[in-house]
PDB file of N, CA and C in Angstrom:
ATOM      1  N   MET A   1     -57.891 193.017 -82.440  1.00  0.00           N
ATOM      2  CA  MET A   1     -58.069 192.660 -81.039  1.00  0.00           C
ATOM      3  C   MET A   1     -58.917 191.396 -80.902  1.00  0.00           C
ATOM      4  N   LYS A   2     -59.975 191.254 -81.682  1.00  0.00           N
ATOM      5  CA  LYS A   2     -60.834 190.083 -81.583  1.00  0.00           C
ATOM      6  C   LYS A   2     -60.118 188.824 -82.047  1.00  0.00           C
ATOM      7  N   LYS A   3     -59.274 188.932 -83.071  1.00  0.00           N
ATOM      8  CA  LYS A   3     -58.557 187.776 -83.580  1.00  0.00           C
ATOM      9  C   LYS A   3     -57.626 187.222 -82.496  1.00  0.00           C
ATOM     10  N   LYS A   4     -56.980 188.113 -81.769  1.00  0.00           N
ATOM     11  CA  LYS A   4     -56.087 187.715 -80.691  1.00  0.00           C
ATOM     12  C   LYS A   4     -56.869 187.009 -79.574  1.00  0.00           C
ATOM     13  N   LEU A   5     -58.043 187.506 -79.260  1.00  0.00           N
ATOM     14  CA  LEU A   5     -58.891 186.919 -78.223  1.00  0.00           C
ATOM     15  C   LEU A   5     -59.377 185.529 -78.633  1.00  0.00           C
ATOM     16  N   VAL A   6     -59.726 185.355 -79.891  1.00  0.00           N
ATOM     17  CA  VAL A   6     -60.195 184.057 -80.384  1.00  0.00           C
ATOM     18  C   VAL A   6     -59.058 183.038 -80.342  1.00  0.00           C
ATOM     19  N   ILE A   7     -57.850 183.439 -80.706  1.00  0.00           N
ATOM     20  CA  ILE A   7     -56.701 182.533 -80.665  1.00  0.00           C
ATOM     21  C   ILE A   7     -56.421 182.110 -79.218  1.00  0.00           C
ATOM     22  N   GLU A   8     -56.476 183.057 -78.303  1.00  0.00           N
ATOM     23  CA  GLU A   8     -56.247 182.749 -76.895  1.00  0.00           C
ATOM     24  C   GLU A   8     -57.318 181.804 -76.367  1.00  0.00           C
ATOM     25  N   LEU A   9     -58.566 182.010 -76.749  1.00  0.00           N
ATOM     26  CA  LEU A   9     -59.663 181.142 -76.337  1.00  0.00           C
ATOM     27  C   LEU A   9     -59.478 179.732 -76.874  1.00  0.00           C
ATOM     28  N   MET A  10     -59.041 179.608 -78.110  1.00  0.00           N
ATOM     29  CA  MET A  10     -58.813 178.288 -78.708  1.00  0.00           C
ATOM     30  C   MET A  10     -57.681 177.556 -77.976  1.00  0.00           C
ATOM     31  N   ILE A  11     -56.637 178.279 -77.591  1.00  0.00           N
ATOM     32  CA  ILE A  11     -55.534 177.660 -76.851  1.00  0.00           C
ATOM     33  C   ILE A  11     -56.034 177.143 -75.508  1.00  0.00           C
ATOM     34  N   TYR A  12     -56.844 177.930 -74.809  1.00  0.00           N
ATOM     35  CA  TYR A  12     -57.400 177.486 -73.528  1.00  0.00           C
ATOM     36  C   TYR A  12     -58.292 176.260 -73.697  1.00  0.00           C
ATOM     37  N   ILE A  13     -59.084 176.217 -74.742  1.00  0.00           N
ATOM     38  CA  ILE A  13     -59.961 175.072 -74.994  1.00  0.00           C
ATOM     39  C   ILE A  13     -59.137 173.818 -75.243  1.00  0.00           C
ATOM     40  N   VAL A  14     -58.045 173.944 -75.999  1.00  0.00           N
ATOM     41  CA  VAL A  14     -57.178 172.792 -76.268  1.00  0.00           C
ATOM     42  C   VAL A  14     -56.534 172.304 -74.974  1.00  0.00           C
ATOM     43  N   ILE A  15     -56.056 173.211 -74.132  1.00  0.00           N
ATOM     44  CA  ILE A  15     -55.426 172.824 -72.863  1.00  0.00           C
ATOM     45  C   ILE A  15     -56.423 172.118 -71.951  1.00  0.00           C
ATOM     46  N   VAL A  16     -57.635 172.642 -71.851  1.00  0.00           N
ATOM     47  CA  VAL A  16     -58.667 172.009 -71.009  1.00  0.00           C
ATOM     48  C   VAL A  16     -59.052 170.650 -71.580  1.00  0.00           C
ATOM     49  N   GLY A  17     -59.154 170.547 -72.891  1.00  0.00           N
ATOM     50  CA  GLY A  17     -59.480 169.271 -73.530  1.00  0.00           C
ATOM     51  C   GLY A  17     -58.426 168.218 -73.249  1.00  0.00           C
ATOM     52  N   ILE A  18     -57.160 168.588 -73.360  1.00  0.00           N
ATOM     53  CA  ILE A  18     -56.073 167.651 -73.065  1.00  0.00           C
ATOM     54  C   ILE A  18     -56.118 167.241 -71.596  1.00  0.00           C
ATOM     55  N   GLY A  19     -56.397 168.184 -70.710  1.00  0.00           N
ATOM     56  CA  GLY A  19     -56.491 167.872 -69.281  1.00  0.00           C
ATOM     57  C   GLY A  19     -57.609 166.887 -68.981  1.00  0.00           C
ATOM     58  N   ILE A  20     -58.756 167.057 -69.608  1.00  0.00           N
ATOM     59  CA  ILE A  20     -59.884 166.145 -69.370  1.00  0.00           C
ATOM     60  C   ILE A  20     -59.566 164.749 -69.898  1.00  0.00           C
ATOM     61  N   VAL A  21     -58.941 164.680 -71.081  1.00  0.00           N
ATOM     62  CA  VAL A  21     -58.567 163.372 -71.634  1.00  0.00           C
ATOM     63  C   VAL A  21     -57.561 162.684 -70.729  1.00  0.00           C
ATOM     64  N   MET A  22     -56.577 163.410 -70.239  1.00  0.00           N
ATOM     65  CA  MET A  22     -55.580 162.819 -69.341  1.00  0.00           C
ATOM     66  C   MET A  22     -56.206 162.375 -68.028  1.00  0.00           C
ATOM     67  N   LEU A  23     -57.201 163.102 -67.549  1.00  0.00           N
ATOM     68  CA  LEU A  23     -57.880 162.739 -66.309  1.00  0.00           C
ATOM     69  C   LEU A  23     -58.575 161.391 -66.432  1.00  0.00           C
ATOM     70  N   PHE A  24     -59.232 161.141 -67.559  1.00  0.00           N
ATOM     71  CA  PHE A  24     -59.951 159.890 -67.738  1.00  0.00           C
ATOM     72  C   PHE A  24     -59.043 158.744 -68.156  1.00  0.00           C
ATOM     73  N   MET A  25     -57.895 159.027 -68.748  1.00  0.00           N
ATOM     74  CA  MET A  25     -56.998 157.978 -69.216  1.00  0.00           C
ATOM     75  C   MET A  25     -56.026 157.516 -68.132  1.00  0.00           C
ATOM     76  N   TYR A  26     -55.906 158.250 -67.021  1.00  0.00           N
ATOM     77  CA  TYR A  26     -54.931 157.937 -65.980  1.00  0.00           C
ATOM     78  C   TYR A  26     -55.335 156.690 -65.215  1.00  0.00           C
ATOM     79  N   GLU A  27     -54.425 155.724 -65.136  1.00  0.00           N
ATOM     80  CA  GLU A  27     -54.655 154.515 -64.357  1.00  0.00           C
ATOM     81  C   GLU A  27     -53.458 154.315 -63.428  1.00  0.00           C
ATOM     82  N   PRO A  28     -53.640 154.551 -62.133  1.00  0.00           N
ATOM     83  CA  PRO A  28     -52.510 154.395 -61.204  1.00  0.00           C
ATOM     84  C   PRO A  28     -52.079 152.937 -61.093  1.00  0.00           C
ATOM     85  N   LYS A  29     -50.793 152.733 -60.865  1.00  0.00           N
ATOM     86  CA  LYS A  29     -50.264 151.382 -60.688  1.00  0.00           C
ATOM     87  C   LYS A  29     -50.575 150.901 -59.277  1.00  0.00           C
ATOM     88  N   GLU A  30     -50.822 149.589 -59.147  1.00  0.00           N
ATOM     89  CA  GLU A  30     -51.062 149.019 -57.834  1.00  0.00           C
ATOM     90  C   GLU A  30     -49.724 148.822 -57.142  1.00  0.00           C
ATOM     91  N   VAL A  31     -49.652 149.226 -55.886  1.00  0.00           N
ATOM     92  CA  VAL A  31     -48.420 149.108 -55.116  1.00  0.00           C
ATOM     93  C   VAL A  31     -48.667 148.151 -53.955  1.00  0.00           C
ATOM     94  N   ASP A  32     -47.835 147.121 -53.861  1.00  0.00           N
ATOM     95  CA  ASP A  32     -47.948 146.181 -52.748  1.00  0.00           C
ATOM     96  C   ASP A  32     -47.196 146.744 -51.553  1.00  0.00           C
ATOM     97  N   ILE A  33     -47.879 146.801 -50.415  1.00  0.00           N
ATOM     98  CA  ILE A  33     -47.273 147.282 -49.186  1.00  0.00           C
ATOM     99  C   ILE A  33     -46.913 146.070 -48.338  1.00  0.00           C
ATOM    100  N   VAL A  34     -45.636 145.923 -48.061  1.00  0.00           N
ATOM    101  CA  VAL A  34     -45.167 144.780 -47.278  1.00  0.00           C
ATOM    102  C   VAL A  34     -44.856 145.253 -45.862  1.00  0.00           C
ATOM    103  N   LEU A  35     -45.553 144.679 -44.896  1.00  0.00           N
ATOM    104  CA  LEU A  35     -45.343 145.008 -43.489  1.00  0.00           C
ATOM    105  C   LEU A  35     -44.637 143.850 -42.796  1.00  0.00           C
ATOM    106  N   PRO A  36     -43.760 144.154 -41.852  1.00  0.00           N
ATOM    107  CA  PRO A  36     -43.125 143.060 -41.097  1.00  0.00           C
ATOM    108  C   PRO A  36     -44.164 142.259 -40.315  1.00  0.00           C
ATOM    109  N   LYS A  37     -43.856 140.983 -40.038  1.00  0.00           N
ATOM    110  CA  LYS A  37     -44.815 140.125 -39.339  1.00  0.00           C
ATOM    111  C   LYS A  37     -45.087 140.588 -37.918  1.00  0.00           C
ATOM    112  N   ASP A  38     -44.100 141.196 -37.273  1.00  0.00           N
ATOM    113  CA  ASP A  38     -44.293 141.619 -35.885  1.00  0.00           C
ATOM    114  C   ASP A  38     -44.859 143.039 -35.773  1.00  0.00           C
ATOM    115  N   PHE A  39     -45.305 143.616 -36.866  1.00  0.00           N
ATOM    116  CA  PHE A  39     -45.851 144.969 -36.868  1.00  0.00           C
ATOM    117  C   PHE A  39     -47.290 144.955 -36.369  1.00  0.00           C
ATOM    118  N   HIS A  40     -47.598 145.795 -35.386  1.00  0.00           N
ATOM    119  CA  HIS A  40     -48.982 145.945 -34.925  1.00  0.00           C
ATOM    120  C   HIS A  40     -49.184 147.375 -34.436  1.00  0.00           C
ATOM    121  N   ILE A  41     -50.413 147.788 -34.435  1.00  0.00           N
ATOM    122  CA  ILE A  41     -50.765 149.148 -34.054  1.00  0.00           C
ATOM    123  C   ILE A  41     -51.389 149.107 -32.666  1.00  0.00           C
ATOM    124  N   GLU A  42     -50.844 149.918 -31.778  1.00  0.00           N
ATOM    125  CA  GLU A  42     -51.416 150.021 -30.442  1.00  0.00           C
ATOM    126  C   GLU A  42     -52.117 151.363 -30.326  1.00  0.00           C
ATOM    127  N   GLN A  43     -53.346 151.320 -29.875  1.00  0.00           N
ATOM    128  CA  GLN A  43     -54.110 152.550 -29.724  1.00  0.00           C
ATOM    129  C   GLN A  43     -54.195 152.886 -28.247  1.00  0.00           C
ATOM    130  N   GLU A  44     -53.693 154.063 -27.914  1.00  0.00           N
ATOM    131  CA  GLU A  44     -53.768 154.522 -26.533  1.00  0.00           C
ATOM    132  C   GLU A  44     -54.904 155.520 -26.409  1.00  0.00           C
ATOM    133  N   GLY A  45     -55.705 155.372 -25.408  1.00  0.00           N
ATOM    134  CA  GLY A  45     -56.812 156.291 -25.203  1.00  0.00           C
ATOM    135  C   GLY A  45     -58.001 155.906 -26.078  1.00  0.00           C
ATOM    136  N   GLY A  46     -58.861 156.856 -26.279  1.00  0.00           N
ATOM    137  CA  GLY A  46     -60.047 156.602 -27.076  1.00  0.00           C
ATOM    138  C   GLY A  46     -60.536 157.871 -27.725  1.00  0.00           C
ATOM    139  N   VAL A  47     -61.789 157.821 -28.144  1.00  0.00           N
ATOM    140  CA  VAL A  47     -62.381 158.960 -28.837  1.00  0.00           C
ATOM    141  C   VAL A  47     -62.566 160.137 -27.887  1.00  0.00           C
ATOM    142  N   ASN A  48     -62.846 159.861 -26.631  1.00  0.00           N
ATOM    143  CA  ASN A  48     -63.138 160.927 -25.667  1.00  0.00           C
ATOM    144  C   ASN A  48     -61.893 161.587 -25.079  1.00  0.00           C
ATOM    145  N   ASP A  49     -60.697 161.184 -25.512  1.00  0.00           N
ATOM    146  CA  ASP A  49     -59.483 161.762 -24.958  1.00  0.00           C
ATOM    147  C   ASP A  49     -59.151 163.143 -25.514  1.00  0.00           C
ATOM    148  N   ALA A  50     -59.660 163.477 -26.681  1.00  0.00           N
ATOM    149  CA  ALA A  50     -59.389 164.781 -27.272  1.00  0.00           C
ATOM    150  C   ALA A  50     -60.348 165.812 -26.688  1.00  0.00           C
ATOM    151  N   PHE A  51     -59.796 166.970 -26.286  1.00  0.00           N
ATOM    152  CA  PHE A  51     -60.660 168.003 -25.744  1.00  0.00           C
ATOM    153  C   PHE A  51     -60.101 169.371 -26.125  1.00  0.00           C
ATOM    154  N   ILE A  52     -60.962 170.369 -26.068  1.00  0.00           N
ATOM    155  CA  ILE A  52     -60.579 171.749 -26.346  1.00  0.00           C
ATOM    156  C   ILE A  52     -60.812 172.540 -25.066  1.00  0.00           C
ATOM    157  N   PRO A  53     -59.751 173.148 -24.521  1.00  0.00           N
ATOM    158  CA  PRO A  53     -59.946 173.900 -23.277  1.00  0.00           C
ATOM    159  C   PRO A  53     -60.796 175.153 -23.495  1.00  0.00           C
ATOM    160  N   ILE A  54     -61.699 175.394 -22.575  1.00  0.00           N
ATOM    161  CA  ILE A  54     -62.553 176.581 -22.659  1.00  0.00           C
ATOM    162  C   ILE A  54     -61.946 177.654 -21.776  1.00  0.00           C
ATOM    163  N   GLU A  55     -61.669 178.792 -22.355  1.00  0.00           N
ATOM    164  CA  GLU A  55     -61.054 179.877 -21.587  1.00  0.00           C
ATOM    165  C   GLU A  55     -62.062 180.945 -21.251  1.00  0.00           C
TER     166      GLU A  55
END
């Protein structure tokens, strides 16, 4: 029973180790976002427009 537990523990340690290495080695690619020239954002209202009705 103990031998089986030790093997399972070693497998978990290897999986966690691989996950940590992959976490630090990951470098996302830069993506250029191209917006049309006539694109603009219109904001209607303001911060005080949101409310929660009290019942």
